[in-house]
Amino acid sequence: METTPLYVLKRSDGSFKYYVDQDYAQEQGIAVDKLICVDVPNTIYAHGTVDDLSTYIAQQLELRGA
């Protein structure tokens, strides 16, 4: 399965923000060591809705205990 990495910043309230590029996140003032890399299946990344993407990321973070 082909995937695309997204870099996720999980906030203390449980919400998260994701970035396509670590360098961009760093430019936005995010410490790279705070990012969690989630490999998203290309079917979701390219053809899914924002809700599909957010749900997938939330499930992956839960599985990791993050």
Protein backbone atom coordinates (compact mmCIF):
# COMPACT_ATOMS: atom_id res chain seq x y z
CA MET A 1 0.00 0.00 0.00
CA GLU A 2 1.34 3.40 -0.97
CA THR A 3 1.35 6.04 1.76
CA THR A 4 2.02 9.72 2.30
CA PRO A 5 3.58 10.88 5.58
CA LEU A 6 1.84 13.61 7.53
CA TYR A 7 3.42 15.23 10.56
CA VAL A 8 0.95 15.62 13.40
CA LEU A 9 1.09 17.96 16.37
CA LYS A 10 -1.20 16.71 19.12
CA ARG A 11 -2.42 19.49 21.39
CA SER A 12 -3.01 19.14 25.13
CA ASP A 13 -6.80 19.29 24.62
CA GLY A 14 -6.63 16.19 22.39
CA SER A 15 -7.09 18.04 19.11
CA PHE A 16 -4.37 17.96 16.50
CA LYS A 17 -2.99 19.82 13.54
CA TYR A 18 -1.17 18.15 10.71
CA TYR A 19 1.51 19.29 8.32
CA VAL A 20 2.62 17.89 4.98
CA ASP A 21 6.18 19.06 5.50
CA GLN A 22 8.35 19.09 8.63
CA ASP A 23 10.23 22.14 7.41
CA TYR A 24 7.00 24.12 7.06
CA ALA A 25 5.94 23.10 10.56
CA GLN A 26 9.30 24.28 11.85
CA GLU A 27 8.87 27.60 10.01
CA GLN A 28 5.56 27.96 11.86
CA GLY A 29 7.39 27.67 15.18
CA ILE A 30 6.67 24.00 15.84
CA ALA A 31 9.47 21.96 17.41
CA VAL A 32 10.12 19.01 15.11
CA ASP A 33 10.54 16.66 18.10
CA LYS A 34 6.86 17.34 18.99
CA LEU A 35 5.63 16.00 15.63
CA ILE A 36 4.33 12.47 15.19
CA CYS A 37 4.71 10.98 11.71
CA VAL A 38 1.59 9.19 10.49
CA ASP A 39 1.73 7.36 7.16
CA VAL A 40 -1.64 7.92 5.51
CA PRO A 41 -2.80 5.57 2.74
CA ASN A 42 -2.80 7.42 -0.57
CA THR A 43 -6.43 6.43 -1.15
CA ILE A 44 -7.41 8.51 1.90
CA TYR A 45 -4.88 11.28 1.27
CA ALA A 46 -5.82 11.78 -2.39
CA HIS A 47 -9.50 10.87 -2.49
CA GLY A 48 -10.83 11.04 1.06
CA THR A 49 -12.55 13.92 2.75
CA VAL A 50 -11.02 16.05 5.48
CA ASP A 51 -13.14 14.06 7.92
CA ASP A 52 -11.74 10.77 6.54
CA LEU A 53 -8.21 12.07 6.98
CA SER A 54 -8.85 13.38 10.50
CA THR A 55 -10.53 10.13 11.54
CA TYR A 56 -7.64 8.06 10.22
CA ILE A 57 -5.07 10.21 12.03
CA ALA A 58 -7.07 10.07 15.28
CA GLN A 59 -7.25 6.27 15.04
CA GLN A 60 -3.52 6.00 14.41
CA LEU A 61 -2.70 8.27 17.36
CA GLU A 62 -4.98 6.20 19.59
CA LEU A 63 -3.31 2.96 18.48
CA ARG A 64 0.08 4.44 19.33
CA GLY A 65 -1.11 5.70 22.69
CA ALA A 66 -0.12 9.20 21.66
